[in-house]
Protein backbone atom coordinates (compact mmCIF):
# COMPACT_ATOMS: atom_id res chain seq x y z
CA MET A 1 -36.24 21.75 -28.02
CA LYS A 2 -34.57 22.10 -24.64
CA THR A 3 -31.92 19.56 -25.61
CA SER A 4 -30.95 21.42 -28.76
CA ARG A 5 -30.72 24.68 -26.83
CA ASN A 6 -28.44 23.09 -24.27
CA VAL A 7 -26.25 21.57 -26.99
CA ARG A 8 -25.79 24.95 -28.65
CA SER A 9 -24.89 26.56 -25.32
CA ILE A 10 -22.45 23.77 -24.47
CA LEU A 11 -20.69 24.42 -27.76
CA VAL A 12 -20.40 28.09 -26.84
CA PHE A 13 -19.13 27.08 -23.39
CA SER A 14 -16.54 24.72 -24.86
CA THR A 15 -15.23 27.41 -27.19
CA ILE A 16 -14.85 29.93 -24.38
CA LEU A 17 -13.37 27.45 -21.92
CA THR A 18 -10.65 26.53 -24.45
CA GLY A 19 -9.22 30.02 -24.11
CA VAL A 20 -9.49 30.28 -20.35
CA VAL A 21 -5.96 29.22 -19.43
CA GLY A 22 -4.13 31.64 -21.73
CA ALA A 23 -6.47 34.53 -21.02
CA PHE A 24 -6.46 33.92 -17.29
CA VAL A 25 -2.66 33.83 -17.18
CA ALA A 26 -2.63 37.16 -18.98
CA CYS A 27 -4.85 38.59 -16.25
CA GLY A 28 -2.84 37.09 -13.41
CA ASP A 29 -0.10 39.55 -12.53
CA GLY A 30 -1.40 42.96 -11.70
CA GLY A 31 -4.98 41.67 -11.80
CA GLY A 32 -7.89 44.07 -11.58
CA ASP A 33 -7.38 47.66 -12.64
CA GLY A 34 -9.44 48.99 -9.74
CA ASN A 35 -11.83 50.76 -12.08
CA PHE A 36 -15.35 49.34 -12.45
CA ASN A 37 -16.76 52.72 -13.51
CA GLY A 38 -14.61 54.14 -10.76
CA TYR A 39 -15.50 51.36 -8.32
CA ASP A 40 -14.03 47.90 -7.91
CA PRO A 41 -15.53 46.01 -4.95
CA ASN A 42 -13.15 43.08 -5.15
CA HIS A 43 -9.78 44.55 -6.22
CA PRO A 44 -9.48 48.01 -4.65
CA PRO A 45 -6.56 50.18 -5.72
CA GLY A 46 -3.41 49.57 -3.74
CA GLY A 47 -3.65 45.81 -4.15
CA GLY A 48 -0.92 43.89 -2.47
CA GLU A 49 -1.21 40.15 -2.44
CA GLY A 50 -4.77 39.06 -3.01
CA GLY A 51 -7.20 37.38 -5.31
CA THR A 52 -8.39 33.85 -4.98
CA ALA A 53 -5.16 32.37 -6.23
CA GLY A 54 -2.79 34.89 -4.76
CA GLY A 55 -2.07 37.02 -7.82
CA GLU A 56 -0.34 40.34 -7.08
CA GLY A 57 -2.05 43.69 -7.28
CA GLY A 58 -5.39 42.42 -5.99
CA GLY A 59 -6.24 40.52 -9.18
CA PRO A 60 -6.69 36.78 -9.57
CA GLY A 61 -3.66 34.59 -10.09
CA THR A 62 -3.47 31.22 -11.81
CA GLY A 63 -2.63 28.61 -9.18
CA GLY A 64 -5.42 26.38 -7.90
CA VAL A 65 -8.34 28.17 -9.56
CA ASP A 66 -11.02 25.77 -10.75
CA PRO A 67 -12.45 26.20 -14.27
CA ALA A 68 -15.74 27.71 -13.06
CA GLU A 69 -14.04 30.44 -11.07
CA ALA A 70 -11.61 31.05 -13.91
CA LEU A 71 -14.49 31.69 -16.31
CA TYR A 72 -16.17 33.98 -13.80
CA ARG A 73 -13.04 36.04 -13.17
CA LEU A 74 -12.76 36.71 -16.91
CA LEU A 75 -16.24 38.23 -17.05
CA GLU A 76 -16.29 39.62 -13.52
CA LYS A 77 -15.38 43.20 -14.40
CA ASP A 78 -17.99 43.44 -17.16
CA LEU A 79 -20.68 41.84 -15.00
CA VAL A 80 -20.03 44.17 -12.06
CA THR A 81 -20.04 47.16 -14.40
CA LYS A 82 -23.32 46.02 -15.98
CA CYS A 83 -25.24 44.81 -12.93
CA GLY A 84 -23.49 46.83 -10.24
CA GLY A 85 -24.39 50.09 -11.91
CA PRO A 86 -22.69 53.46 -11.31
CA GLY A 87 -20.60 53.30 -8.17
CA GLY A 88 -21.81 49.78 -7.51
CA GLY A 89 -25.09 51.25 -6.30
CA CYS A 90 -27.35 48.55 -7.69
CA HIS A 91 -26.48 44.86 -7.23
CA VAL A 92 -23.24 45.52 -5.31
CA SER A 93 -24.28 47.81 -2.47
CA ALA A 94 -27.96 48.62 -3.24
CA THR A 95 -27.33 52.26 -2.31
CA SER A 96 -29.14 53.45 -5.44
CA PHE A 97 -31.99 50.93 -5.27
CA SER A 98 -32.54 49.72 -1.71
CA THR A 99 -34.55 46.69 -2.85
CA ALA A 100 -31.92 45.48 -5.33
CA PRO A 101 -30.53 42.06 -4.30
CA LYS A 102 -26.80 42.39 -3.55
CA PHE A 103 -25.67 39.29 -5.40
CA LEU A 104 -22.36 40.99 -6.33
CA ALA A 105 -21.60 42.30 -2.85
CA ALA A 106 -18.06 43.11 -1.74
CA PRO A 107 -15.51 42.00 -0.75
CA ASP A 108 -15.70 39.13 -3.27
CA SER A 109 -18.43 39.15 -5.89
CA TYR A 110 -17.72 35.51 -6.79
CA LYS A 111 -18.47 34.29 -3.27
CA SER A 112 -21.57 36.47 -3.20
CA ILE A 113 -23.02 35.32 -6.49
CA LYS A 114 -22.30 31.68 -5.67
CA ALA A 115 -24.11 32.01 -2.34
CA PHE A 116 -27.11 33.82 -3.80
CA THR A 117 -30.05 31.44 -4.14
CA GLY A 118 -31.22 30.76 -7.69
CA ILE A 119 -28.24 31.98 -9.75
CA VAL A 120 -25.82 29.04 -9.77
CA VAL A 121 -28.13 26.10 -10.50
CA LYS A 122 -27.94 22.82 -12.38
CA ASP A 123 -30.31 23.91 -15.16
CA VAL A 124 -28.55 26.98 -16.54
CA PHE A 125 -31.63 28.43 -18.21
CA THR A 126 -33.55 28.57 -14.92
CA SER A 127 -30.82 30.77 -13.38
CA ALA A 128 -32.25 34.02 -12.02
CA ILE A 129 -29.60 36.06 -13.84
CA ILE A 130 -30.74 34.53 -17.15
CA THR A 131 -34.50 34.64 -16.58
CA LYS A 132 -34.54 38.20 -15.20
CA GLY A 133 -34.22 39.64 -18.69
CA VAL A 134 -34.78 43.34 -19.34
CA HIS A 135 -35.41 45.48 -16.25
CA GLU A 136 -34.27 48.88 -15.00
CA GLY A 137 -30.66 47.71 -15.21
CA GLY A 138 -31.08 46.24 -18.69
CA SER A 139 -30.36 42.70 -19.82
CA ILE A 140 -26.97 40.98 -19.78
CA TYR A 141 -27.60 40.25 -23.46
CA ASP A 142 -27.95 43.87 -24.60
CA ASP A 143 -24.32 45.00 -24.45
CA GLY A 144 -24.05 45.34 -28.22
CA SER A 145 -21.46 42.58 -28.61
CA ASP A 146 -21.47 39.89 -31.23
CA ALA A 147 -24.04 37.22 -30.35
CA GLY A 148 -21.34 34.67 -29.57
CA THR A 149 -19.25 36.97 -27.35
CA SER A 150 -21.93 38.98 -25.55
CA LEU A 151 -21.85 39.20 -21.78
CA GLY A 152 -24.95 37.00 -21.72
CA LYS A 153 -23.27 34.18 -23.63
CA ARG A 154 -20.17 34.43 -21.45
CA VAL A 155 -22.36 34.21 -18.36
CA GLU A 156 -24.04 31.12 -19.82
CA ALA A 157 -20.64 29.50 -20.39
CA TRP A 158 -19.62 30.18 -16.79
CA LEU A 159 -22.94 28.83 -15.49
CA TYR A 160 -22.54 25.65 -17.54
CA GLN A 161 -19.21 24.99 -15.85
CA GLU A 162 -20.74 25.69 -12.44
CA SER A 163 -23.57 23.32 -13.33
CA ALA A 164 -21.12 20.57 -14.25
CA GLU A 165 -19.36 20.97 -10.92
CA LEU A 166 -22.66 20.99 -9.03
CA GLN A 167 -23.69 17.73 -10.62
CA ALA A 168 -20.42 16.14 -9.55
CA ILE A 169 -21.01 16.98 -5.88
CA LYS A 170 -22.16 14.13 -3.64
CA ARG A 171 -24.65 15.52 -1.15
CA PRO A 172 -26.22 13.82 1.86
CA THR A 173 -29.49 12.10 1.00
CA THR A 174 -32.48 10.61 2.71
CA ASP A 175 -33.09 6.90 2.35
CA PRO A 176 -35.38 6.04 -0.59
CA PHE A 177 -38.98 6.16 0.64
CA ALA A 178 -42.26 4.83 -0.70
CA VAL A 179 -44.90 7.35 -1.74
CA THR A 180 -48.46 6.90 -0.55
CA ILE A 181 -50.78 8.06 -3.32
CA GLY A 182 -53.88 10.01 -2.33
CA ALA A 183 -52.67 10.61 1.20
CA ASP A 184 -50.34 12.72 3.34
CA ASN A 185 -46.66 11.76 3.34
CA ASP A 186 -44.07 12.55 6.01
CA VAL A 187 -40.32 12.33 5.28
CA ASP A 188 -37.64 12.57 7.98
CA LEU A 189 -34.82 14.84 6.75
CA SER A 190 -32.42 14.18 9.64
CA LYS A 191 -29.88 12.43 7.39
CA LEU A 192 -29.31 15.63 5.43
CA ALA A 193 -27.31 17.28 8.22
CA THR A 194 -25.36 16.31 11.31
CA GLY A 195 -27.10 17.09 14.57
CA VAL A 196 -30.46 17.90 12.99
CA THR A 197 -33.44 15.98 14.38
CA GLY A 198 -37.19 16.35 14.20
CA VAL A 199 -37.18 18.00 10.77
CA HIS A 200 -39.80 16.65 8.39
CA LEU A 201 -40.91 17.45 4.86
CA LYS A 202 -44.61 16.82 4.40
CA PHE A 203 -46.72 16.65 1.25
CA LYS A 204 -49.77 15.07 -0.29
CA ALA A 205 -49.17 12.85 -3.34
CA GLN A 206 -51.46 12.01 -6.22
CA LEU A 207 -51.26 10.59 -9.72
CA VAL A 208 -52.60 12.48 -12.71
CA GLY A 209 -52.53 9.81 -15.37
CA THR A 210 -49.03 8.44 -14.91
CA THR A 211 -47.54 11.71 -13.61
CA LEU A 212 -46.68 12.10 -9.94
CA GLU A 213 -47.78 15.37 -8.33
CA LEU A 214 -47.03 16.68 -4.86
CA THR A 215 -49.08 19.38 -3.17
CA ASN A 216 -49.04 21.16 0.21
CA VAL A 217 -45.27 20.71 0.47
CA SER A 218 -44.18 22.07 3.86
CA LEU A 219 -41.34 21.94 6.39
CA THR A 220 -41.93 21.07 10.06
CA THR A 221 -39.41 21.37 12.89
CA ALA A 222 -39.17 20.05 16.44
CA ALA A 223 -39.97 22.38 19.33
CA GLY A 224 -37.05 24.59 20.34
CA SER A 225 -34.92 23.98 17.24
CA GLY A 226 -35.14 26.25 14.20
CA VAL A 227 -33.69 25.12 10.88
CA HIS A 228 -32.58 26.59 7.57
CA LEU A 229 -33.31 24.63 4.38
CA GLN A 230 -31.90 25.57 0.98
CA HIS A 231 -32.69 24.01 -2.40
CA PRO A 232 -34.06 20.50 -1.76
CA ILE A 233 -33.88 18.17 -4.78
CA PHE A 234 -36.20 15.21 -5.42
CA TYR A 235 -34.97 12.05 -7.13
CA ARG A 236 -37.08 9.20 -8.49
CA VAL A 237 -35.63 5.83 -7.53
CA PRO A 238 -36.98 3.32 -10.07
CA ALA A 239 -37.82 -0.11 -8.71
CA LYS A 240 -36.05 -1.62 -11.68
CA LYS A 241 -33.20 -0.16 -13.72
CA ALA A 242 -32.03 -1.41 -17.08
CA ASN A 243 -28.53 -0.91 -15.72
CA PRO A 244 -28.06 -0.97 -11.92
CA ALA A 245 -25.26 1.61 -12.31
CA ASP A 246 -27.60 4.17 -13.91
CA PRO A 247 -28.21 7.24 -11.70
CA ASP A 248 -31.57 7.99 -10.14
CA ASN A 249 -33.81 10.38 -12.05
CA GLN A 250 -33.47 13.95 -10.77
CA ASP A 251 -36.55 16.19 -10.84
CA PRO A 252 -36.15 17.54 -14.39
CA GLN A 253 -37.65 20.89 -13.44
CA ASP A 254 -35.52 21.28 -10.29
CA THR A 255 -38.75 22.60 -8.81
CA PHE A 256 -37.35 23.79 -5.51
CA SER A 257 -34.16 25.44 -6.79
CA ASN A 258 -35.20 28.84 -5.37
CA THR A 259 -36.21 27.48 -1.96
CA ASP A 260 -34.37 29.17 0.91
CA VAL A 261 -36.49 29.05 4.07
CA THR A 262 -35.93 29.35 7.79
CA VAL A 263 -38.44 27.78 10.18
CA SER A 264 -38.53 28.47 13.92
CA GLY A 265 -38.77 25.61 16.39
CA GLY A 266 -42.08 23.78 16.53
CA ALA A 267 -43.45 25.51 13.42
CA THR A 268 -44.69 24.36 10.02
CA THR A 269 -43.99 26.51 6.96
CA PRO A 270 -45.12 25.88 3.35
CA LEU A 271 -42.26 25.99 0.87
CA PRO A 272 -42.28 29.03 -1.46
CA VAL A 273 -43.35 26.66 -4.26
CA PRO A 274 -45.64 24.27 -2.34
CA PHE A 275 -46.19 21.81 -5.19
CA ALA A 276 -44.26 19.77 -7.74
CA ILE A 277 -45.34 18.14 -11.00
CA PHE A 278 -42.79 15.56 -12.09
CA SER A 279 -43.86 15.65 -15.73
CA GLY A 280 -40.36 14.85 -16.98
CA PHE A 281 -40.15 11.53 -15.15
CA ASP A 282 -40.96 8.26 -16.82
CA PRO A 283 -44.48 6.99 -15.99
CA TRP A 284 -44.71 6.54 -12.23
CA MET A 285 -44.83 2.93 -11.12
CA PRO A 286 -46.40 1.80 -7.80
CA THR A 287 -43.07 0.30 -6.69
CA ASP A 288 -41.01 3.42 -7.46
CA LYS A 289 -39.62 5.48 -4.59
CA LEU A 290 -38.33 9.00 -4.00
CA ARG A 291 -35.33 10.33 -2.13
CA ILE A 292 -34.31 13.90 -1.26
CA GLU A 293 -31.01 15.75 -1.27
CA ALA A 294 -30.48 19.40 -0.28
CA TYR A 295 -27.85 22.05 -0.86
CA LYS A 296 -28.07 22.93 2.83
CA LEU A 297 -29.90 21.90 5.97
CA GLU A 298 -28.63 23.38 9.22
CA ALA A 299 -29.94 23.69 12.75
CA GLY A 300 -30.42 26.72 14.94
CA ILE A 301 -30.39 29.32 12.17
CA VAL A 302 -32.70 32.27 12.79
CA LYS A 303 -32.87 35.09 10.27
CA GLU A 304 -33.25 38.58 11.65
CA ALA A 305 -36.25 40.48 10.41
CA ALA A 306 -35.39 43.10 7.82
CA VAL A 307 -35.33 46.62 9.22
CA ALA A 308 -36.92 49.17 6.94
CA ALA A 309 -34.70 52.11 6.02
CA MET A 310 -35.76 55.32 7.77
CA CYS A 311 -35.04 58.98 7.09
CA SER A 312 -32.60 60.93 9.22
CA ASN A 313 -35.00 63.79 9.94
CA PRO A 314 -38.70 63.51 8.99
CA THR A 315 -39.32 67.03 10.34
CA ASN A 316 -36.84 68.52 7.86
CA PHE A 317 -38.52 66.39 5.18
CA GLN A 318 -41.90 67.86 6.13
CA ASN A 319 -40.65 71.45 6.10
CA MET A 320 -38.20 71.39 3.19
CA VAL A 321 -39.10 68.51 0.85
CA ALA A 322 -42.85 67.98 1.11
CA PRO A 323 -43.70 71.36 -0.53
CA SER A 324 -41.77 70.40 -3.67
CA LEU A 325 -43.87 67.24 -3.98
CA THR A 326 -47.24 68.88 -3.42
CA GLY A 327 -46.98 71.77 -5.86
CA ALA A 328 -45.91 74.46 -3.38
CA GLY A 329 -42.15 74.39 -4.03
CA ASN A 330 -40.26 77.01 -6.02
CA SER A 331 -39.20 74.62 -8.80
CA ALA A 332 -42.22 72.32 -9.07
CA PRO A 333 -45.77 73.52 -9.65
CA LEU A 334 -46.59 69.81 -10.00
CA ASN A 335 -48.64 68.11 -7.30
CA CYS A 336 -47.48 64.49 -7.04
CA LEU A 337 -50.49 63.64 -4.86
CA ASN A 338 -52.67 63.70 -7.98
CA CYS A 339 -51.26 60.23 -8.81
CA HIS A 340 -49.16 59.09 -5.87
CA ASN A 341 -51.85 59.25 -3.18
CA ALA A 342 -53.97 56.45 -1.71
CA GLY A 343 -55.74 54.78 -4.62
CA GLY A 344 -53.94 56.86 -7.22
CA SER A 345 -52.59 55.39 -10.44
CA GLY A 346 -48.97 55.96 -9.35
CA ASN A 347 -49.38 54.79 -5.78
CA GLY A 348 -47.76 51.42 -6.50
CA ALA A 349 -44.58 53.08 -7.82
CA LEU A 350 -44.29 55.69 -5.05
CA ASN A 351 -46.72 55.96 -2.17
CA LEU A 352 -46.92 59.56 -0.99
CA SER A 353 -50.21 59.19 0.85
CA GLY A 354 -48.37 60.30 4.00
CA LEU A 355 -48.34 63.80 2.52
CA GLY A 356 -52.12 63.73 2.15
CA ASN A 357 -54.77 63.42 4.82
CA THR A 358 -52.88 60.92 6.99
CA LYS A 359 -49.90 63.28 7.56
CA ASP A 360 -47.48 60.40 7.94
CA TYR A 361 -44.29 62.28 7.10
CA PRO A 362 -41.89 59.54 8.31
CA GLY A 363 -43.71 57.04 6.04
CA ALA A 364 -43.65 59.36 3.03
CA CYS A 365 -39.99 60.16 3.64
CA ALA A 366 -39.13 56.44 3.79
CA ALA A 367 -40.95 55.92 0.47
CA VAL A 368 -38.96 58.72 -1.18
CA LEU A 369 -35.75 57.35 0.34
CA ASN A 370 -36.13 54.31 -1.93
CA LYS A 371 -36.04 56.60 -4.97
CA ILE A 372 -32.81 58.47 -4.25
CA ASP A 373 -29.12 57.73 -4.74
CA LYS A 374 -27.17 59.26 -1.87
CA THR A 375 -23.84 58.41 -3.52
CA THR A 376 -24.68 60.02 -6.88
CA PRO A 377 -27.70 62.29 -6.30
CA MET A 378 -28.22 63.10 -9.98
CA ASN A 379 -28.84 59.40 -10.63
CA SER A 380 -31.82 59.47 -8.27
CA ARG A 381 -35.10 58.36 -9.80
CA ILE A 382 -36.97 61.12 -7.96
CA ILE A 383 -34.84 63.63 -9.88
CA GLN A 384 -34.77 61.89 -13.25
CA LYS A 385 -38.50 61.09 -13.34
CA LEU A 386 -39.38 64.78 -12.90
CA ASP A 387 -36.63 66.43 -14.94
CA GLY A 388 -37.54 64.44 -18.06
CA THR A 389 -34.50 62.13 -18.07
CA MET A 390 -36.73 59.09 -17.46
CA GLY A 391 -40.25 58.46 -18.72
CA HIS A 392 -42.97 59.58 -16.31
CA ALA A 393 -46.71 59.35 -16.86
CA GLY A 394 -47.21 62.45 -14.71
CA GLY A 395 -44.98 64.60 -16.90
CA ALA A 396 -41.96 66.74 -16.04
CA VAL A 397 -41.43 69.95 -14.11
CA THR A 398 -41.11 73.21 -16.05
CA ASN A 399 -38.03 74.35 -14.12
CA LYS A 400 -35.69 71.41 -14.75
CA ALA A 401 -32.53 73.13 -13.43
CA GLY A 402 -34.30 74.35 -10.32
CA TRP A 403 -35.67 70.88 -9.57
CA GLN A 404 -32.23 69.34 -9.94
CA THR A 405 -30.61 71.96 -7.69
CA ASP A 406 -33.28 71.68 -5.00
CA TRP A 407 -33.17 67.90 -4.85
CA LYS A 408 -29.41 67.63 -4.99
CA GLY A 409 -29.40 69.86 -1.90
CA PHE A 410 -32.07 67.72 -0.19
CA ILE A 411 -30.10 64.54 -0.75
CA MET A 412 -26.57 65.67 0.08
CA GLY A 413 -25.35 66.08 3.63
CA GLY A 414 -27.59 63.51 5.30
CA THR A 415 -29.67 66.10 7.16
CA ILE A 416 -32.94 64.74 5.66
CA PHE A 417 -32.37 61.33 4.17
């Protein structure tokens, strides 16, 4: 079934790729129009020389652009409009949704989406942009286009070209190593990067029938030397090949495609997916071996801890905003604490327990901050959930205009949020 799906998608990809050269030339001079719903993170108005291939006006040109980038540049505007949201506030800048991954971040969305773990992968249909499906931003397949020309199908075509280029890349690899069944295994990864020593991947191996399974997969580093590992790939090295020139068998599930971990010196960290079931391999033979490649292994990389967004003035929040959320405000005789308090049914969506007995106004303000859009206040979920624009189990306020006016004032100016 998977093969037939891939064949159909490759046919779509081939059809689209055939028109790349002519279409891309047409987009070359003058490039982007600087108007992705009023916002273009990659080709701002005013242009000048720019774009990956040096086209004028900030848009892409034609010289030296590989086929994958060419396909992306053709769908770039539509993708940024769809996934970036109004003003780029979703997956471009995350100003509307602070938890939204910025995989289309400026100044070049192509570089950003290529660097984002889990989108550009060898198996197109495991790409995070494909598997995400319908969410608050909608699906890339729901743009109303013909099935063969929808944004989703164009994204698939681009990803197939990226996949082809990925599979042509020769990456550093460990030596083939024997697997000890029913015991702990320890693999030195030092050959995957220059200057990296004391980095080991550990796992326990077992056979279930003729299928090889790995559990407790973890990364260990030497004292004093942190490392960053991205997307390790396992290959089965058969003891005997029908044709010595045949490639080794790559993990058909690409189990660790979303792995992107940083480990401090002298520490051991389980991988995000700490197991692998190589069900797509041929029956495992006692003389078979494994080897490991990785998209990236580098030394001395330490990620800074994420800093939670905080409100500008929790005291103003307490005095001006809290009453409108607890039923005491002029425009809202609706007490949000009935659902959004500790243990309430809406607590997971918005935790306002800081307005209750704990009196944690900075915490409550930070929670509300995640539901507002400071760039376009009227797009804020806190407004739209209560004015009836969006569905809300707790209902809507009776004074819609008053609620909108009050909250637009709270959000603008930066004196609270």
